[in-house]
């Protein structure tokens, strides 16, 4: 891990971060990933590089899916691949939480765990075709 910024004194005030623009997950089978994210989750496909990547809109953020093998080599972007189970969480309205769980089960998606969080938050976990751990939660799991 980088030590950049450790014990650095500066006269420049820290500018604000605007939020998370992109989230990246990796796959081994683009067709399976596209079917799952487009057809099962209903995310809007923004673009596709055949055999390389898929770009989706997820609320105000962009959700990127890359072929895991192709991101291990430096190119226009630095290497950024990851192996193993990666996690991301989608937020849904409290009124839609149970509907999402029921819908995914009807689509053949196994809900592997469900958690009741403090502050009346709820979430459940499932896998995408690449084995990434996905979560759907209501907005109450984190304070504002």
C-alpha atoms as a PDB file:
ATOM      1  CA  UNK A   1       0.000   0.000   0.000  1.00  0.00           C
ATOM      2  CA  UNK A   2       1.231   3.493  -0.772  1.00  0.00           C
ATOM      3  CA  UNK A   3       2.455   5.878   1.904  1.00  0.00           C
ATOM      4  CA  UNK A   4       1.475   8.827  -0.299  1.00  0.00           C
ATOM      5  CA  UNK A   5       0.134  11.613   1.851  1.00  0.00           C
ATOM      6  CA  UNK A   6       1.448  10.200   5.132  1.00  0.00           C
ATOM      7  CA  UNK A   7       2.753  12.928   7.414  1.00  0.00           C
ATOM      8  CA  UNK A   8       2.618  15.561   4.680  1.00  0.00           C
ATOM      9  CA  UNK A   9       2.149  19.184   5.606  1.00  0.00           C
ATOM     10  CA  UNK A  10       0.491  21.410   3.053  1.00  0.00           C
ATOM     11  CA  UNK A  11      -0.914  24.882   2.756  1.00  0.00           C
ATOM     12  CA  UNK A  12      -3.564  23.719   0.306  1.00  0.00           C
ATOM     13  CA  UNK A  13      -7.001  23.026   1.745  1.00  0.00           C
ATOM     14  CA  UNK A  14      -8.374  19.594   0.935  1.00  0.00           C
ATOM     15  CA  UNK A  15     -11.016  19.881  -1.812  1.00  0.00           C
ATOM     16  CA  UNK A  16     -14.242  17.876  -1.413  1.00  0.00           C
ATOM     17  CA  UNK A  17     -14.837  14.471  -2.971  1.00  0.00           C
ATOM     18  CA  UNK A  18     -18.026  14.298  -4.997  1.00  0.00           C
ATOM     19  CA  UNK A  19     -18.870  10.636  -4.427  1.00  0.00           C
ATOM     20  CA  UNK A  20     -18.073   7.387  -6.196  1.00  0.00           C
ATOM     21  CA  UNK A  21     -18.135   7.728  -9.987  1.00  0.00           C
ATOM     22  CA  UNK A  22     -17.256   4.158 -10.975  1.00  0.00           C
ATOM     23  CA  UNK A  23     -17.281   0.703  -9.464  1.00  0.00           C
ATOM     24  CA  UNK A  24     -15.427  -2.139 -11.194  1.00  0.00           C
ATOM     25  CA  UNK A  25     -16.004  -5.882 -11.057  1.00  0.00           C
ATOM     26  CA  UNK A  26     -14.341  -8.593 -13.131  1.00  0.00           C
ATOM     27  CA  UNK A  27     -15.669 -11.568 -15.071  1.00  0.00           C
ATOM     28  CA  UNK A  28     -14.449 -14.585 -17.030  1.00  0.00           C
ATOM     29  CA  UNK A  29     -17.505 -14.884 -19.322  1.00  0.00           C
ATOM     30  CA  UNK A  30     -18.767 -11.673 -20.923  1.00  0.00           C
ATOM     31  CA  UNK A  31     -21.984 -13.204 -22.286  1.00  0.00           C
ATOM     32  CA  UNK A  32     -22.981 -14.550 -18.850  1.00  0.00           C
ATOM     33  CA  UNK A  33     -22.146 -11.198 -17.231  1.00  0.00           C
ATOM     34  CA  UNK A  34     -24.167  -9.272 -19.811  1.00  0.00           C
ATOM     35  CA  UNK A  35     -27.207 -11.552 -19.436  1.00  0.00           C
ATOM     36  CA  UNK A  36     -27.091 -11.246 -15.649  1.00  0.00           C
ATOM     37  CA  UNK A  37     -26.598  -7.479 -15.365  1.00  0.00           C
ATOM     38  CA  UNK A  38     -28.861  -6.582 -18.325  1.00  0.00           C
ATOM     39  CA  UNK A  39     -31.621  -9.175 -18.093  1.00  0.00           C
ATOM     40  CA  UNK A  40     -31.729 -10.208 -14.425  1.00  0.00           C
ATOM     41  CA  UNK A  41     -30.746  -6.947 -12.693  1.00  0.00           C
ATOM     42  CA  UNK A  42     -32.185  -4.745 -15.463  1.00  0.00           C
ATOM     43  CA  UNK A  43     -29.258  -2.333 -15.502  1.00  0.00           C
ATOM     44  CA  UNK A  44     -28.958   0.019 -18.494  1.00  0.00           C
ATOM     45  CA  UNK A  45     -26.050  -0.920 -20.760  1.00  0.00           C
ATOM     46  CA  UNK A  46     -24.113   2.232 -21.688  1.00  0.00           C
ATOM     47  CA  UNK A  47     -21.531   0.546 -23.866  1.00  0.00           C
ATOM     48  CA  UNK A  48     -19.719  -2.645 -24.685  1.00  0.00           C
ATOM     49  CA  UNK A  49     -16.265  -3.549 -25.931  1.00  0.00           C
ATOM     50  CA  UNK A  50     -16.749  -7.136 -27.188  1.00  0.00           C
ATOM     51  CA  UNK A  51     -14.507  -9.568 -25.338  1.00  0.00           C
ATOM     52  CA  UNK A  52     -13.207  -6.815 -23.049  1.00  0.00           C
ATOM     53  CA  UNK A  53     -15.727  -4.778 -21.034  1.00  0.00           C
ATOM     54  CA  UNK A  54     -19.311  -3.775 -20.287  1.00  0.00           C
ATOM     55  CA  UNK A  55     -20.429  -0.354 -19.013  1.00  0.00           C
ATOM     56  CA  UNK A  56     -23.658   0.073 -17.042  1.00  0.00           C
ATOM     57  CA  UNK A  57     -25.521   2.906 -15.345  1.00  0.00           C
ATOM     58  CA  UNK A  58     -26.319   2.272 -11.669  1.00  0.00           C
ATOM     59  CA  UNK A  59     -28.180   5.307 -10.347  1.00  0.00           C
ATOM     60  CA  UNK A  60     -25.754   8.238 -10.414  1.00  0.00           C
ATOM     61  CA  UNK A  61     -22.743   5.924 -10.774  1.00  0.00           C
ATOM     62  CA  UNK A  62     -21.241   3.892 -13.586  1.00  0.00           C
ATOM     63  CA  UNK A  63     -20.724   0.171 -13.074  1.00  0.00           C
ATOM     64  CA  UNK A  64     -17.862  -1.303 -15.104  1.00  0.00           C
ATOM     65  CA  UNK A  65     -17.320  -4.992 -15.793  1.00  0.00           C
ATOM     66  CA  UNK A  66     -13.962  -6.066 -17.233  1.00  0.00           C
ATOM     67  CA  UNK A  67     -12.511  -9.335 -18.458  1.00  0.00           C
ATOM     68  CA  UNK A  68     -10.266 -10.218 -15.518  1.00  0.00           C
ATOM     69  CA  UNK A  69      -7.374 -11.483 -17.665  1.00  0.00           C
ATOM     70  CA  UNK A  70      -7.171  -8.361 -19.839  1.00  0.00           C
ATOM     71  CA  UNK A  71      -6.798  -5.908 -16.958  1.00  0.00           C
ATOM     72  CA  UNK A  72      -3.669  -7.566 -15.560  1.00  0.00           C
ATOM     73  CA  UNK A  73      -1.472  -6.056 -18.290  1.00  0.00           C
ATOM     74  CA  UNK A  74      -0.625  -2.356 -18.517  1.00  0.00           C
ATOM     75  CA  UNK A  75      -2.014  -0.530 -21.522  1.00  0.00           C
ATOM     76  CA  UNK A  76      -3.748   2.810 -21.718  1.00  0.00           C
ATOM     77  CA  UNK A  77      -4.731   2.178 -18.076  1.00  0.00           C
ATOM     78  CA  UNK A  78      -2.488   0.784 -15.349  1.00  0.00           C
ATOM     79  CA  UNK A  79      -3.085  -2.870 -14.383  1.00  0.00           C
ATOM     80  CA  UNK A  80      -6.015  -3.114 -12.001  1.00  0.00           C
ATOM     81  CA  UNK A  81      -7.351  -6.653 -12.132  1.00  0.00           C
ATOM     82  CA  UNK A  82      -8.492  -8.496  -9.048  1.00  0.00           C
ATOM     83  CA  UNK A  83      -9.016 -12.171  -8.319  1.00  0.00           C
ATOM     84  CA  UNK A  84     -11.474 -13.893  -6.088  1.00  0.00           C
ATOM     85  CA  UNK A  85     -14.786 -12.750  -4.755  1.00  0.00           C
ATOM     86  CA  UNK A  86     -15.249  -8.978  -4.991  1.00  0.00           C
ATOM     87  CA  UNK A  87     -18.146  -7.218  -3.257  1.00  0.00           C
ATOM     88  CA  UNK A  88     -20.483  -4.379  -4.157  1.00  0.00           C
ATOM     89  CA  UNK A  89     -23.823  -3.262  -2.743  1.00  0.00           C
ATOM     90  CA  UNK A  90     -26.861  -1.818  -4.535  1.00  0.00           C
ATOM     91  CA  UNK A  91     -29.271   0.401  -2.619  1.00  0.00           C
ATOM     92  CA  UNK A  92     -33.029   0.035  -3.027  1.00  0.00           C
ATOM     93  CA  UNK A  93     -36.001   1.794  -1.475  1.00  0.00           C
ATOM     94  CA  UNK A  94     -37.276   0.154   1.691  1.00  0.00           C
ATOM     95  CA  UNK A  95     -40.579  -0.594  -0.099  1.00  0.00           C
ATOM     96  CA  UNK A  96     -38.725  -2.501  -2.849  1.00  0.00           C
ATOM     97  CA  UNK A  97     -36.425  -4.593  -0.648  1.00  0.00           C
ATOM     98  CA  UNK A  98     -38.662  -7.701  -0.328  1.00  0.00           C
ATOM     99  CA  UNK A  99     -39.753  -7.399  -3.968  1.00  0.00           C
ATOM    100  CA  UNK A 100     -36.109  -7.528  -5.102  1.00  0.00           C
ATOM    101  CA  UNK A 101     -35.422 -10.593  -2.973  1.00  0.00           C
ATOM    102  CA  UNK A 102     -38.514 -12.405  -4.274  1.00  0.00           C
ATOM    103  CA  UNK A 103     -37.749 -11.403  -7.889  1.00  0.00           C
ATOM    104  CA  UNK A 104     -34.144 -12.663  -7.767  1.00  0.00           C
ATOM    105  CA  UNK A 105     -35.202 -15.986  -6.242  1.00  0.00           C
ATOM    106  CA  UNK A 106     -37.776 -16.353  -9.045  1.00  0.00           C
ATOM    107  CA  UNK A 107     -34.931 -15.731 -11.536  1.00  0.00           C
ATOM    108  CA  UNK A 108     -32.997 -18.646 -10.033  1.00  0.00           C
ATOM    109  CA  UNK A 109     -30.570 -16.490  -8.038  1.00  0.00           C
ATOM    110  CA  UNK A 110     -29.713 -17.992  -4.649  1.00  0.00           C
ATOM    111  CA  UNK A 111     -29.907 -15.598  -1.702  1.00  0.00           C
ATOM    112  CA  UNK A 112     -27.002 -16.821   0.421  1.00  0.00           C
ATOM    113  CA  UNK A 113     -27.384 -14.599   3.468  1.00  0.00           C
ATOM    114  CA  UNK A 114     -29.626 -11.923   4.919  1.00  0.00           C
ATOM    115  CA  UNK A 115     -28.671  -9.454   7.647  1.00  0.00           C
ATOM    116  CA  UNK A 116     -30.691  -7.182   9.931  1.00  0.00           C
ATOM    117  CA  UNK A 117     -28.445  -4.194  10.641  1.00  0.00           C
ATOM    118  CA  UNK A 118     -28.633  -1.646  13.472  1.00  0.00           C
ATOM    119  CA  UNK A 119     -30.726   1.440  12.624  1.00  0.00           C
ATOM    120  CA  UNK A 120     -33.390  -0.811  11.017  1.00  0.00           C
ATOM    121  CA  UNK A 121     -31.255  -1.586   7.966  1.00  0.00           C
ATOM    122  CA  UNK A 122     -31.632  -4.788   5.967  1.00  0.00           C
ATOM    123  CA  UNK A 123     -29.529  -6.411   3.275  1.00  0.00           C
ATOM    124  CA  UNK A 124     -29.202  -9.706   1.454  1.00  0.00           C
ATOM    125  CA  UNK A 125     -26.328 -11.257  -0.458  1.00  0.00           C
ATOM    126  CA  UNK A 126     -26.056 -13.266  -3.680  1.00  0.00           C
ATOM    127  CA  UNK A 127     -23.474 -14.055  -6.362  1.00  0.00           C
ATOM    128  CA  UNK A 128     -23.209 -12.991  -9.988  1.00  0.00           C
ATOM    129  CA  UNK A 129     -22.108 -15.562 -12.620  1.00  0.00           C
ATOM    130  CA  UNK A 130     -18.423 -14.703 -12.003  1.00  0.00           C
ATOM    131  CA  UNK A 131     -18.741 -15.384  -8.262  1.00  0.00           C
ATOM    132  CA  UNK A 132     -18.670 -11.734  -7.175  1.00  0.00           C
ATOM    133  CA  UNK A 133     -20.604 -11.137  -3.966  1.00  0.00           C
ATOM    134  CA  UNK A 134     -23.458  -8.711  -4.563  1.00  0.00           C
ATOM    135  CA  UNK A 135     -25.644  -7.157  -1.911  1.00  0.00           C
ATOM    136  CA  UNK A 136     -28.972  -5.379  -2.035  1.00  0.00           C
ATOM    137  CA  UNK A 137     -29.698  -3.126   0.931  1.00  0.00           C
ATOM    138  CA  UNK A 138     -32.151  -0.486   1.961  1.00  0.00           C
ATOM    139  CA  UNK A 139     -30.743   2.965   2.547  1.00  0.00           C
ATOM    140  CA  UNK A 140     -30.922   2.610   6.336  1.00  0.00           C
ATOM    141  CA  UNK A 141     -27.769   0.520   6.806  1.00  0.00           C
ATOM    142  CA  UNK A 142     -25.565   3.644   6.945  1.00  0.00           C
ATOM    143  CA  UNK A 143     -26.145   7.019   8.599  1.00  0.00           C
ATOM    144  CA  UNK A 144     -26.510  10.066   6.357  1.00  0.00           C
END
